[in-house]
Amino acid sequence: EKFENMVICLDGELGSGKTVFTKG
């Protein structure tokens, strides 16, 4: 459902899945 200029802000402790989400 992406659109131009989409901003997704991720927070959570180290190893919680932020980079995994980005990989997806």
PDBML (XML) file of the C-alpha atoms, coordinates in Angstrom:
<?xml version="1.0" encoding="UTF-8" ?>
<PDBx:datablock datablockName="MODEL"
   xmlns:PDBx="http://pdbml.pdb.org/schema/pdbx-v50.xsd"
   xmlns:xsi="http://www.w3.org/2001/XMLSchema-instance"
   xsi:schemaLocation="http://pdbml.pdb.org/schema/pdbx-v50.xsd pdbx-v50.xsd">
   <PDBx:atom_siteCategory>
      <PDBx:atom_site id="1">
         <PDBx:B_iso_or_equiv>0.00</PDBx:B_iso_or_equiv>
         <PDBx:Cartn_x>0.000</PDBx:Cartn_x>
         <PDBx:Cartn_y>0.000</PDBx:Cartn_y>
         <PDBx:Cartn_z>0.000</PDBx:Cartn_z>
         <PDBx:auth_asym_id>A</PDBx:auth_asym_id>
         <PDBx:auth_atom_id>CA</PDBx:auth_atom_id>
         <PDBx:auth_comp_id>GLU</PDBx:auth_comp_id>
         <PDBx:auth_seq_id>1</PDBx:auth_seq_id>
         <PDBx:group_PDB>ATOM</PDBx:group_PDB>
         <PDBx:label_alt_id xsi:nil="true" />
         <PDBx:label_asym_id>A</PDBx:label_asym_id>
         <PDBx:label_atom_id>CA</PDBx:label_atom_id>
         <PDBx:label_comp_id>GLU</PDBx:label_comp_id>
         <PDBx:label_entity_id>1</PDBx:label_entity_id>
         <PDBx:label_seq_id>1</PDBx:label_seq_id>
         <PDBx:occupancy>1.00</PDBx:occupancy>
         <PDBx:pdbx_PDB_model_num>1</PDBx:pdbx_PDB_model_num>
         <PDBx:type_symbol>C</PDBx:type_symbol>
      </PDBx:atom_site>
      <PDBx:atom_site id="2">
         <PDBx:B_iso_or_equiv>0.00</PDBx:B_iso_or_equiv>
         <PDBx:Cartn_x>3.069</PDBx:Cartn_x>
         <PDBx:Cartn_y>2.241</PDBx:Cartn_y>
         <PDBx:Cartn_z>-0.393</PDBx:Cartn_z>
         <PDBx:auth_asym_id>A</PDBx:auth_asym_id>
         <PDBx:auth_atom_id>CA</PDBx:auth_atom_id>
         <PDBx:auth_comp_id>LYS</PDBx:auth_comp_id>
         <PDBx:auth_seq_id>2</PDBx:auth_seq_id>
         <PDBx:group_PDB>ATOM</PDBx:group_PDB>
         <PDBx:label_alt_id xsi:nil="true" />
         <PDBx:label_asym_id>A</PDBx:label_asym_id>
         <PDBx:label_atom_id>CA</PDBx:label_atom_id>
         <PDBx:label_comp_id>LYS</PDBx:label_comp_id>
         <PDBx:label_entity_id>1</PDBx:label_entity_id>
         <PDBx:label_seq_id>2</PDBx:label_seq_id>
         <PDBx:occupancy>1.00</PDBx:occupancy>
         <PDBx:pdbx_PDB_model_num>1</PDBx:pdbx_PDB_model_num>
         <PDBx:type_symbol>C</PDBx:type_symbol>
      </PDBx:atom_site>
      <PDBx:atom_site id="3">
         <PDBx:B_iso_or_equiv>0.00</PDBx:B_iso_or_equiv>
         <PDBx:Cartn_x>2.971</PDBx:Cartn_x>
         <PDBx:Cartn_y>5.839</PDBx:Cartn_y>
         <PDBx:Cartn_z>-1.543</PDBx:Cartn_z>
         <PDBx:auth_asym_id>A</PDBx:auth_asym_id>
         <PDBx:auth_atom_id>CA</PDBx:auth_atom_id>
         <PDBx:auth_comp_id>PHE</PDBx:auth_comp_id>
         <PDBx:auth_seq_id>3</PDBx:auth_seq_id>
         <PDBx:group_PDB>ATOM</PDBx:group_PDB>
         <PDBx:label_alt_id xsi:nil="true" />
         <PDBx:label_asym_id>A</PDBx:label_asym_id>
         <PDBx:label_atom_id>CA</PDBx:label_atom_id>
         <PDBx:label_comp_id>PHE</PDBx:label_comp_id>
         <PDBx:label_entity_id>1</PDBx:label_entity_id>
         <PDBx:label_seq_id>3</PDBx:label_seq_id>
         <PDBx:occupancy>1.00</PDBx:occupancy>
         <PDBx:pdbx_PDB_model_num>1</PDBx:pdbx_PDB_model_num>
         <PDBx:type_symbol>C</PDBx:type_symbol>
      </PDBx:atom_site>
      <PDBx:atom_site id="4">
         <PDBx:B_iso_or_equiv>0.00</PDBx:B_iso_or_equiv>
         <PDBx:Cartn_x>5.576</PDBx:Cartn_x>
         <PDBx:Cartn_y>8.489</PDBx:Cartn_y>
         <PDBx:Cartn_z>-2.315</PDBx:Cartn_z>
         <PDBx:auth_asym_id>A</PDBx:auth_asym_id>
         <PDBx:auth_atom_id>CA</PDBx:auth_atom_id>
         <PDBx:auth_comp_id>GLU</PDBx:auth_comp_id>
         <PDBx:auth_seq_id>4</PDBx:auth_seq_id>
         <PDBx:group_PDB>ATOM</PDBx:group_PDB>
         <PDBx:label_alt_id xsi:nil="true" />
         <PDBx:label_asym_id>A</PDBx:label_asym_id>
         <PDBx:label_atom_id>CA</PDBx:label_atom_id>
         <PDBx:label_comp_id>GLU</PDBx:label_comp_id>
         <PDBx:label_entity_id>1</PDBx:label_entity_id>
         <PDBx:label_seq_id>4</PDBx:label_seq_id>
         <PDBx:occupancy>1.00</PDBx:occupancy>
         <PDBx:pdbx_PDB_model_num>1</PDBx:pdbx_PDB_model_num>
         <PDBx:type_symbol>C</PDBx:type_symbol>
      </PDBx:atom_site>
      <PDBx:atom_site id="5">
         <PDBx:B_iso_or_equiv>0.00</PDBx:B_iso_or_equiv>
         <PDBx:Cartn_x>7.094</PDBx:Cartn_x>
         <PDBx:Cartn_y>10.242</PDBx:Cartn_y>
         <PDBx:Cartn_z>0.692</PDBx:Cartn_z>
         <PDBx:auth_asym_id>A</PDBx:auth_asym_id>
         <PDBx:auth_atom_id>CA</PDBx:auth_atom_id>
         <PDBx:auth_comp_id>ASN</PDBx:auth_comp_id>
         <PDBx:auth_seq_id>5</PDBx:auth_seq_id>
         <PDBx:group_PDB>ATOM</PDBx:group_PDB>
         <PDBx:label_alt_id xsi:nil="true" />
         <PDBx:label_asym_id>A</PDBx:label_asym_id>
         <PDBx:label_atom_id>CA</PDBx:label_atom_id>
         <PDBx:label_comp_id>ASN</PDBx:label_comp_id>
         <PDBx:label_entity_id>1</PDBx:label_entity_id>
         <PDBx:label_seq_id>5</PDBx:label_seq_id>
         <PDBx:occupancy>1.00</PDBx:occupancy>
         <PDBx:pdbx_PDB_model_num>1</PDBx:pdbx_PDB_model_num>
         <PDBx:type_symbol>C</PDBx:type_symbol>
      </PDBx:atom_site>
      <PDBx:atom_site id="6">
         <PDBx:B_iso_or_equiv>0.00</PDBx:B_iso_or_equiv>
         <PDBx:Cartn_x>5.910</PDBx:Cartn_x>
         <PDBx:Cartn_y>7.553</PDBx:Cartn_y>
         <PDBx:Cartn_z>3.111</PDBx:Cartn_z>
         <PDBx:auth_asym_id>A</PDBx:auth_asym_id>
         <PDBx:auth_atom_id>CA</PDBx:auth_atom_id>
         <PDBx:auth_comp_id>MET</PDBx:auth_comp_id>
         <PDBx:auth_seq_id>6</PDBx:auth_seq_id>
         <PDBx:group_PDB>ATOM</PDBx:group_PDB>
         <PDBx:label_alt_id xsi:nil="true" />
         <PDBx:label_asym_id>A</PDBx:label_asym_id>
         <PDBx:label_atom_id>CA</PDBx:label_atom_id>
         <PDBx:label_comp_id>MET</PDBx:label_comp_id>
         <PDBx:label_entity_id>1</PDBx:label_entity_id>
         <PDBx:label_seq_id>6</PDBx:label_seq_id>
         <PDBx:occupancy>1.00</PDBx:occupancy>
         <PDBx:pdbx_PDB_model_num>1</PDBx:pdbx_PDB_model_num>
         <PDBx:type_symbol>C</PDBx:type_symbol>
      </PDBx:atom_site>
      <PDBx:atom_site id="7">
         <PDBx:B_iso_or_equiv>0.00</PDBx:B_iso_or_equiv>
         <PDBx:Cartn_x>7.680</PDBx:Cartn_x>
         <PDBx:Cartn_y>7.919</PDBx:Cartn_y>
         <PDBx:Cartn_z>6.472</PDBx:Cartn_z>
         <PDBx:auth_asym_id>A</PDBx:auth_asym_id>
         <PDBx:auth_atom_id>CA</PDBx:auth_atom_id>
         <PDBx:auth_comp_id>VAL</PDBx:auth_comp_id>
         <PDBx:auth_seq_id>7</PDBx:auth_seq_id>
         <PDBx:group_PDB>ATOM</PDBx:group_PDB>
         <PDBx:label_alt_id xsi:nil="true" />
         <PDBx:label_asym_id>A</PDBx:label_asym_id>
         <PDBx:label_atom_id>CA</PDBx:label_atom_id>
         <PDBx:label_comp_id>VAL</PDBx:label_comp_id>
         <PDBx:label_entity_id>1</PDBx:label_entity_id>
         <PDBx:label_seq_id>7</PDBx:label_seq_id>
         <PDBx:occupancy>1.00</PDBx:occupancy>
         <PDBx:pdbx_PDB_model_num>1</PDBx:pdbx_PDB_model_num>
         <PDBx:type_symbol>C</PDBx:type_symbol>
      </PDBx:atom_site>
      <PDBx:atom_site id="8">
         <PDBx:B_iso_or_equiv>0.00</PDBx:B_iso_or_equiv>
         <PDBx:Cartn_x>7.841</PDBx:Cartn_x>
         <PDBx:Cartn_y>4.951</PDBx:Cartn_y>
         <PDBx:Cartn_z>8.837</PDBx:Cartn_z>
         <PDBx:auth_asym_id>A</PDBx:auth_asym_id>
         <PDBx:auth_atom_id>CA</PDBx:auth_atom_id>
         <PDBx:auth_comp_id>ILE</PDBx:auth_comp_id>
         <PDBx:auth_seq_id>8</PDBx:auth_seq_id>
         <PDBx:group_PDB>ATOM</PDBx:group_PDB>
         <PDBx:label_alt_id xsi:nil="true" />
         <PDBx:label_asym_id>A</PDBx:label_asym_id>
         <PDBx:label_atom_id>CA</PDBx:label_atom_id>
         <PDBx:label_comp_id>ILE</PDBx:label_comp_id>
         <PDBx:label_entity_id>1</PDBx:label_entity_id>
         <PDBx:label_seq_id>8</PDBx:label_seq_id>
         <PDBx:occupancy>1.00</PDBx:occupancy>
         <PDBx:pdbx_PDB_model_num>1</PDBx:pdbx_PDB_model_num>
         <PDBx:type_symbol>C</PDBx:type_symbol>
      </PDBx:atom_site>
      <PDBx:atom_site id="9">
         <PDBx:B_iso_or_equiv>0.00</PDBx:B_iso_or_equiv>
         <PDBx:Cartn_x>9.330</PDBx:Cartn_x>
         <PDBx:Cartn_y>5.531</PDBx:Cartn_y>
         <PDBx:Cartn_z>12.285</PDBx:Cartn_z>
         <PDBx:auth_asym_id>A</PDBx:auth_asym_id>
         <PDBx:auth_atom_id>CA</PDBx:auth_atom_id>
         <PDBx:auth_comp_id>CYS</PDBx:auth_comp_id>
         <PDBx:auth_seq_id>9</PDBx:auth_seq_id>
         <PDBx:group_PDB>ATOM</PDBx:group_PDB>
         <PDBx:label_alt_id xsi:nil="true" />
         <PDBx:label_asym_id>A</PDBx:label_asym_id>
         <PDBx:label_atom_id>CA</PDBx:label_atom_id>
         <PDBx:label_comp_id>CYS</PDBx:label_comp_id>
         <PDBx:label_entity_id>1</PDBx:label_entity_id>
         <PDBx:label_seq_id>9</PDBx:label_seq_id>
         <PDBx:occupancy>1.00</PDBx:occupancy>
         <PDBx:pdbx_PDB_model_num>1</PDBx:pdbx_PDB_model_num>
         <PDBx:type_symbol>C</PDBx:type_symbol>
      </PDBx:atom_site>
      <PDBx:atom_site id="10">
         <PDBx:B_iso_or_equiv>0.00</PDBx:B_iso_or_equiv>
         <PDBx:Cartn_x>10.580</PDBx:Cartn_x>
         <PDBx:Cartn_y>2.457</PDBx:Cartn_y>
         <PDBx:Cartn_z>14.141</PDBx:Cartn_z>
         <PDBx:auth_asym_id>A</PDBx:auth_asym_id>
         <PDBx:auth_atom_id>CA</PDBx:auth_atom_id>
         <PDBx:auth_comp_id>LEU</PDBx:auth_comp_id>
         <PDBx:auth_seq_id>10</PDBx:auth_seq_id>
         <PDBx:group_PDB>ATOM</PDBx:group_PDB>
         <PDBx:label_alt_id xsi:nil="true" />
         <PDBx:label_asym_id>A</PDBx:label_asym_id>
         <PDBx:label_atom_id>CA</PDBx:label_atom_id>
         <PDBx:label_comp_id>LEU</PDBx:label_comp_id>
         <PDBx:label_entity_id>1</PDBx:label_entity_id>
         <PDBx:label_seq_id>10</PDBx:label_seq_id>
         <PDBx:occupancy>1.00</PDBx:occupancy>
         <PDBx:pdbx_PDB_model_num>1</PDBx:pdbx_PDB_model_num>
         <PDBx:type_symbol>C</PDBx:type_symbol>
      </PDBx:atom_site>
      <PDBx:atom_site id="11">
         <PDBx:B_iso_or_equiv>0.00</PDBx:B_iso_or_equiv>
         <PDBx:Cartn_x>11.428</PDBx:Cartn_x>
         <PDBx:Cartn_y>2.235</PDBx:Cartn_y>
         <PDBx:Cartn_z>17.825</PDBx:Cartn_z>
         <PDBx:auth_asym_id>A</PDBx:auth_asym_id>
         <PDBx:auth_atom_id>CA</PDBx:auth_atom_id>
         <PDBx:auth_comp_id>ASP</PDBx:auth_comp_id>
         <PDBx:auth_seq_id>11</PDBx:auth_seq_id>
         <PDBx:group_PDB>ATOM</PDBx:group_PDB>
         <PDBx:label_alt_id xsi:nil="true" />
         <PDBx:label_asym_id>A</PDBx:label_asym_id>
         <PDBx:label_atom_id>CA</PDBx:label_atom_id>
         <PDBx:label_comp_id>ASP</PDBx:label_comp_id>
         <PDBx:label_entity_id>1</PDBx:label_entity_id>
         <PDBx:label_seq_id>11</PDBx:label_seq_id>
         <PDBx:occupancy>1.00</PDBx:occupancy>
         <PDBx:pdbx_PDB_model_num>1</PDBx:pdbx_PDB_model_num>
         <PDBx:type_symbol>C</PDBx:type_symbol>
      </PDBx:atom_site>
      <PDBx:atom_site id="12">
         <PDBx:B_iso_or_equiv>0.00</PDBx:B_iso_or_equiv>
         <PDBx:Cartn_x>12.252</PDBx:Cartn_x>
         <PDBx:Cartn_y>-0.596</PDBx:Cartn_y>
         <PDBx:Cartn_z>20.172</PDBx:Cartn_z>
         <PDBx:auth_asym_id>A</PDBx:auth_asym_id>
         <PDBx:auth_atom_id>CA</PDBx:auth_atom_id>
         <PDBx:auth_comp_id>GLY</PDBx:auth_comp_id>
         <PDBx:auth_seq_id>12</PDBx:auth_seq_id>
         <PDBx:group_PDB>ATOM</PDBx:group_PDB>
         <PDBx:label_alt_id xsi:nil="true" />
         <PDBx:label_asym_id>A</PDBx:label_asym_id>
         <PDBx:label_atom_id>CA</PDBx:label_atom_id>
         <PDBx:label_comp_id>GLY</PDBx:label_comp_id>
         <PDBx:label_entity_id>1</PDBx:label_entity_id>
         <PDBx:label_seq_id>12</PDBx:label_seq_id>
         <PDBx:occupancy>1.00</PDBx:occupancy>
         <PDBx:pdbx_PDB_model_num>1</PDBx:pdbx_PDB_model_num>
         <PDBx:type_symbol>C</PDBx:type_symbol>
      </PDBx:atom_site>
      <PDBx:atom_site id="13">
         <PDBx:B_iso_or_equiv>0.00</PDBx:B_iso_or_equiv>
         <PDBx:Cartn_x>15.180</PDBx:Cartn_x>
         <PDBx:Cartn_y>-2.053</PDBx:Cartn_y>
         <PDBx:Cartn_z>22.017</PDBx:Cartn_z>
         <PDBx:auth_asym_id>A</PDBx:auth_asym_id>
         <PDBx:auth_atom_id>CA</PDBx:auth_atom_id>
         <PDBx:auth_comp_id>GLU</PDBx:auth_comp_id>
         <PDBx:auth_seq_id>13</PDBx:auth_seq_id>
         <PDBx:group_PDB>ATOM</PDBx:group_PDB>
         <PDBx:label_alt_id xsi:nil="true" />
         <PDBx:label_asym_id>A</PDBx:label_asym_id>
         <PDBx:label_atom_id>CA</PDBx:label_atom_id>
         <PDBx:label_comp_id>GLU</PDBx:label_comp_id>
         <PDBx:label_entity_id>1</PDBx:label_entity_id>
         <PDBx:label_seq_id>13</PDBx:label_seq_id>
         <PDBx:occupancy>1.00</PDBx:occupancy>
         <PDBx:pdbx_PDB_model_num>1</PDBx:pdbx_PDB_model_num>
         <PDBx:type_symbol>C</PDBx:type_symbol>
      </PDBx:atom_site>
      <PDBx:atom_site id="14">
         <PDBx:B_iso_or_equiv>0.00</PDBx:B_iso_or_equiv>
         <PDBx:Cartn_x>18.217</PDBx:Cartn_x>
         <PDBx:Cartn_y>-3.499</PDBx:Cartn_y>
         <PDBx:Cartn_z>20.270</PDBx:Cartn_z>
         <PDBx:auth_asym_id>A</PDBx:auth_asym_id>
         <PDBx:auth_atom_id>CA</PDBx:auth_atom_id>
         <PDBx:auth_comp_id>LEU</PDBx:auth_comp_id>
         <PDBx:auth_seq_id>14</PDBx:auth_seq_id>
         <PDBx:group_PDB>ATOM</PDBx:group_PDB>
         <PDBx:label_alt_id xsi:nil="true" />
         <PDBx:label_asym_id>A</PDBx:label_asym_id>
         <PDBx:label_atom_id>CA</PDBx:label_atom_id>
         <PDBx:label_comp_id>LEU</PDBx:label_comp_id>
         <PDBx:label_entity_id>1</PDBx:label_entity_id>
         <PDBx:label_seq_id>14</PDBx:label_seq_id>
         <PDBx:occupancy>1.00</PDBx:occupancy>
         <PDBx:pdbx_PDB_model_num>1</PDBx:pdbx_PDB_model_num>
         <PDBx:type_symbol>C</PDBx:type_symbol>
      </PDBx:atom_site>
      <PDBx:atom_site id="15">
         <PDBx:B_iso_or_equiv>0.00</PDBx:B_iso_or_equiv>
         <PDBx:Cartn_x>17.311</PDBx:Cartn_x>
         <PDBx:Cartn_y>-6.745</PDBx:Cartn_y>
         <PDBx:Cartn_z>18.502</PDBx:Cartn_z>
         <PDBx:auth_asym_id>A</PDBx:auth_asym_id>
         <PDBx:auth_atom_id>CA</PDBx:auth_atom_id>
         <PDBx:auth_comp_id>GLY</PDBx:auth_comp_id>
         <PDBx:auth_seq_id>15</PDBx:auth_seq_id>
         <PDBx:group_PDB>ATOM</PDBx:group_PDB>
         <PDBx:label_alt_id xsi:nil="true" />
         <PDBx:label_asym_id>A</PDBx:label_asym_id>
         <PDBx:label_atom_id>CA</PDBx:label_atom_id>
         <PDBx:label_comp_id>GLY</PDBx:label_comp_id>
         <PDBx:label_entity_id>1</PDBx:label_entity_id>
         <PDBx:label_seq_id>15</PDBx:label_seq_id>
         <PDBx:occupancy>1.00</PDBx:occupancy>
         <PDBx:pdbx_PDB_model_num>1</PDBx:pdbx_PDB_model_num>
         <PDBx:type_symbol>C</PDBx:type_symbol>
      </PDBx:atom_site>
      <PDBx:atom_site id="16">
         <PDBx:B_iso_or_equiv>0.00</PDBx:B_iso_or_equiv>
         <PDBx:Cartn_x>13.567</PDBx:Cartn_x>
         <PDBx:Cartn_y>-6.152</PDBx:Cartn_y>
         <PDBx:Cartn_z>18.616</PDBx:Cartn_z>
         <PDBx:auth_asym_id>A</PDBx:auth_asym_id>
         <PDBx:auth_atom_id>CA</PDBx:auth_atom_id>
         <PDBx:auth_comp_id>SER</PDBx:auth_comp_id>
         <PDBx:auth_seq_id>16</PDBx:auth_seq_id>
         <PDBx:group_PDB>ATOM</PDBx:group_PDB>
         <PDBx:label_alt_id xsi:nil="true" />
         <PDBx:label_asym_id>A</PDBx:label_asym_id>
         <PDBx:label_atom_id>CA</PDBx:label_atom_id>
         <PDBx:label_comp_id>SER</PDBx:label_comp_id>
         <PDBx:label_entity_id>1</PDBx:label_entity_id>
         <PDBx:label_seq_id>16</PDBx:label_seq_id>
         <PDBx:occupancy>1.00</PDBx:occupancy>
         <PDBx:pdbx_PDB_model_num>1</PDBx:pdbx_PDB_model_num>
         <PDBx:type_symbol>C</PDBx:type_symbol>
      </PDBx:atom_site>
      <PDBx:atom_site id="17">
         <PDBx:B_iso_or_equiv>0.00</PDBx:B_iso_or_equiv>
         <PDBx:Cartn_x>13.000</PDBx:Cartn_x>
         <PDBx:Cartn_y>-6.368</PDBx:Cartn_y>
         <PDBx:Cartn_z>14.849</PDBx:Cartn_z>
         <PDBx:auth_asym_id>A</PDBx:auth_asym_id>
         <PDBx:auth_atom_id>CA</PDBx:auth_atom_id>
         <PDBx:auth_comp_id>GLY</PDBx:auth_comp_id>
         <PDBx:auth_seq_id>17</PDBx:auth_seq_id>
         <PDBx:group_PDB>ATOM</PDBx:group_PDB>
         <PDBx:label_alt_id xsi:nil="true" />
         <PDBx:label_asym_id>A</PDBx:label_asym_id>
         <PDBx:label_atom_id>CA</PDBx:label_atom_id>
         <PDBx:label_comp_id>GLY</PDBx:label_comp_id>
         <PDBx:label_entity_id>1</PDBx:label_entity_id>
         <PDBx:label_seq_id>17</PDBx:label_seq_id>
         <PDBx:occupancy>1.00</PDBx:occupancy>
         <PDBx:pdbx_PDB_model_num>1</PDBx:pdbx_PDB_model_num>
         <PDBx:type_symbol>C</PDBx:type_symbol>
      </PDBx:atom_site>
      <PDBx:atom_site id="18">
         <PDBx:B_iso_or_equiv>0.00</PDBx:B_iso_or_equiv>
         <PDBx:Cartn_x>13.453</PDBx:Cartn_x>
         <PDBx:Cartn_y>-2.885</PDBx:Cartn_y>
         <PDBx:Cartn_z>13.406</PDBx:Cartn_z>
         <PDBx:auth_asym_id>A</PDBx:auth_asym_id>
         <PDBx:auth_atom_id>CA</PDBx:auth_atom_id>
         <PDBx:auth_comp_id>LYS</PDBx:auth_comp_id>
         <PDBx:auth_seq_id>18</PDBx:auth_seq_id>
         <PDBx:group_PDB>ATOM</PDBx:group_PDB>
         <PDBx:label_alt_id xsi:nil="true" />
         <PDBx:label_asym_id>A</PDBx:label_asym_id>
         <PDBx:label_atom_id>CA</PDBx:label_atom_id>
         <PDBx:label_comp_id>LYS</PDBx:label_comp_id>
         <PDBx:label_entity_id>1</PDBx:label_entity_id>
         <PDBx:label_seq_id>18</PDBx:label_seq_id>
         <PDBx:occupancy>1.00</PDBx:occupancy>
         <PDBx:pdbx_PDB_model_num>1</PDBx:pdbx_PDB_model_num>
         <PDBx:type_symbol>C</PDBx:type_symbol>
      </PDBx:atom_site>
      <PDBx:atom_site id="19">
         <PDBx:B_iso_or_equiv>0.00</PDBx:B_iso_or_equiv>
         <PDBx:Cartn_x>16.000</PDBx:Cartn_x>
         <PDBx:Cartn_y>-3.921</PDBx:Cartn_y>
         <PDBx:Cartn_z>10.773</PDBx:Cartn_z>
         <PDBx:auth_asym_id>A</PDBx:auth_asym_id>
         <PDBx:auth_atom_id>CA</PDBx:auth_atom_id>
         <PDBx:auth_comp_id>THR</PDBx:auth_comp_id>
         <PDBx:auth_seq_id>19</PDBx:auth_seq_id>
         <PDBx:group_PDB>ATOM</PDBx:group_PDB>
         <PDBx:label_alt_id xsi:nil="true" />
         <PDBx:label_asym_id>A</PDBx:label_asym_id>
         <PDBx:label_atom_id>CA</PDBx:label_atom_id>
         <PDBx:label_comp_id>THR</PDBx:label_comp_id>
         <PDBx:label_entity_id>1</PDBx:label_entity_id>
         <PDBx:label_seq_id>19</PDBx:label_seq_id>
         <PDBx:occupancy>1.00</PDBx:occupancy>
         <PDBx:pdbx_PDB_model_num>1</PDBx:pdbx_PDB_model_num>
         <PDBx:type_symbol>C</PDBx:type_symbol>
      </PDBx:atom_site>
      <PDBx:atom_site id="20">
         <PDBx:B_iso_or_equiv>0.00</PDBx:B_iso_or_equiv>
         <PDBx:Cartn_x>14.081</PDBx:Cartn_x>
         <PDBx:Cartn_y>-7.139</PDBx:Cartn_y>
         <PDBx:Cartn_z>10.037</PDBx:Cartn_z>
         <PDBx:auth_asym_id>A</PDBx:auth_asym_id>
         <PDBx:auth_atom_id>CA</PDBx:auth_atom_id>
         <PDBx:auth_comp_id>VAL</PDBx:auth_comp_id>
         <PDBx:auth_seq_id>20</PDBx:auth_seq_id>
         <PDBx:group_PDB>ATOM</PDBx:group_PDB>
         <PDBx:label_alt_id xsi:nil="true" />
         <PDBx:label_asym_id>A</PDBx:label_asym_id>
         <PDBx:label_atom_id>CA</PDBx:label_atom_id>
         <PDBx:label_comp_id>VAL</PDBx:label_comp_id>
         <PDBx:label_entity_id>1</PDBx:label_entity_id>
         <PDBx:label_seq_id>20</PDBx:label_seq_id>
         <PDBx:occupancy>1.00</PDBx:occupancy>
         <PDBx:pdbx_PDB_model_num>1</PDBx:pdbx_PDB_model_num>
         <PDBx:type_symbol>C</PDBx:type_symbol>
      </PDBx:atom_site>
      <PDBx:atom_site id="21">
         <PDBx:B_iso_or_equiv>0.00</PDBx:B_iso_or_equiv>
         <PDBx:Cartn_x>11.041</PDBx:Cartn_x>
         <PDBx:Cartn_y>-4.982</PDBx:Cartn_y>
         <PDBx:Cartn_z>9.241</PDBx:Cartn_z>
         <PDBx:auth_asym_id>A</PDBx:auth_asym_id>
         <PDBx:auth_atom_id>CA</PDBx:auth_atom_id>
         <PDBx:auth_comp_id>PHE</PDBx:auth_comp_id>
         <PDBx:auth_seq_id>21</PDBx:auth_seq_id>
         <PDBx:group_PDB>ATOM</PDBx:group_PDB>
         <PDBx:label_alt_id xsi:nil="true" />
         <PDBx:label_asym_id>A</PDBx:label_asym_id>
         <PDBx:label_atom_id>CA</PDBx:label_atom_id>
         <PDBx:label_comp_id>PHE</PDBx:label_comp_id>
         <PDBx:label_entity_id>1</PDBx:label_entity_id>
         <PDBx:label_seq_id>21</PDBx:label_seq_id>
         <PDBx:occupancy>1.00</PDBx:occupancy>
         <PDBx:pdbx_PDB_model_num>1</PDBx:pdbx_PDB_model_num>
         <PDBx:type_symbol>C</PDBx:type_symbol>
      </PDBx:atom_site>
      <PDBx:atom_site id="22">
         <PDBx:B_iso_or_equiv>0.00</PDBx:B_iso_or_equiv>
         <PDBx:Cartn_x>13.178</PDBx:Cartn_x>
         <PDBx:Cartn_y>-2.833</PDBx:Cartn_y>
         <PDBx:Cartn_z>6.932</PDBx:Cartn_z>
         <PDBx:auth_asym_id>A</PDBx:auth_asym_id>
         <PDBx:auth_atom_id>CA</PDBx:auth_atom_id>
         <PDBx:auth_comp_id>THR</PDBx:auth_comp_id>
         <PDBx:auth_seq_id>22</PDBx:auth_seq_id>
         <PDBx:group_PDB>ATOM</PDBx:group_PDB>
         <PDBx:label_alt_id xsi:nil="true" />
         <PDBx:label_asym_id>A</PDBx:label_asym_id>
         <PDBx:label_atom_id>CA</PDBx:label_atom_id>
         <PDBx:label_comp_id>THR</PDBx:label_comp_id>
         <PDBx:label_entity_id>1</PDBx:label_entity_id>
         <PDBx:label_seq_id>22</PDBx:label_seq_id>
         <PDBx:occupancy>1.00</PDBx:occupancy>
         <PDBx:pdbx_PDB_model_num>1</PDBx:pdbx_PDB_model_num>
         <PDBx:type_symbol>C</PDBx:type_symbol>
      </PDBx:atom_site>
      <PDBx:atom_site id="23">
         <PDBx:B_iso_or_equiv>0.00</PDBx:B_iso_or_equiv>
         <PDBx:Cartn_x>14.497</PDBx:Cartn_x>
         <PDBx:Cartn_y>-5.951</PDBx:Cartn_y>
         <PDBx:Cartn_z>5.176</PDBx:Cartn_z>
         <PDBx:auth_asym_id>A</PDBx:auth_asym_id>
         <PDBx:auth_atom_id>CA</PDBx:auth_atom_id>
         <PDBx:auth_comp_id>LYS</PDBx:auth_comp_id>
         <PDBx:auth_seq_id>23</PDBx:auth_seq_id>
         <PDBx:group_PDB>ATOM</PDBx:group_PDB>
         <PDBx:label_alt_id xsi:nil="true" />
         <PDBx:label_asym_id>A</PDBx:label_asym_id>
         <PDBx:label_atom_id>CA</PDBx:label_atom_id>
         <PDBx:label_comp_id>LYS</PDBx:label_comp_id>
         <PDBx:label_entity_id>1</PDBx:label_entity_id>
         <PDBx:label_seq_id>23</PDBx:label_seq_id>
         <PDBx:occupancy>1.00</PDBx:occupancy>
         <PDBx:pdbx_PDB_model_num>1</PDBx:pdbx_PDB_model_num>
         <PDBx:type_symbol>C</PDBx:type_symbol>
      </PDBx:atom_site>
      <PDBx:atom_site id="24">
         <PDBx:B_iso_or_equiv>0.00</PDBx:B_iso_or_equiv>
         <PDBx:Cartn_x>10.913</PDBx:Cartn_x>
         <PDBx:Cartn_y>-7.039</PDBx:Cartn_y>
         <PDBx:Cartn_z>4.530</PDBx:Cartn_z>
         <PDBx:auth_asym_id>A</PDBx:auth_asym_id>
         <PDBx:auth_atom_id>CA</PDBx:auth_atom_id>
         <PDBx:auth_comp_id>GLY</PDBx:auth_comp_id>
         <PDBx:auth_seq_id>24</PDBx:auth_seq_id>
         <PDBx:group_PDB>ATOM</PDBx:group_PDB>
         <PDBx:label_alt_id xsi:nil="true" />
         <PDBx:label_asym_id>A</PDBx:label_asym_id>
         <PDBx:label_atom_id>CA</PDBx:label_atom_id>
         <PDBx:label_comp_id>GLY</PDBx:label_comp_id>
         <PDBx:label_entity_id>1</PDBx:label_entity_id>
         <PDBx:label_seq_id>24</PDBx:label_seq_id>
         <PDBx:occupancy>1.00</PDBx:occupancy>
         <PDBx:pdbx_PDB_model_num>1</PDBx:pdbx_PDB_model_num>
         <PDBx:type_symbol>C</PDBx:type_symbol>
      </PDBx:atom_site>
   </PDBx:atom_siteCategory>
</PDBx:datablock>
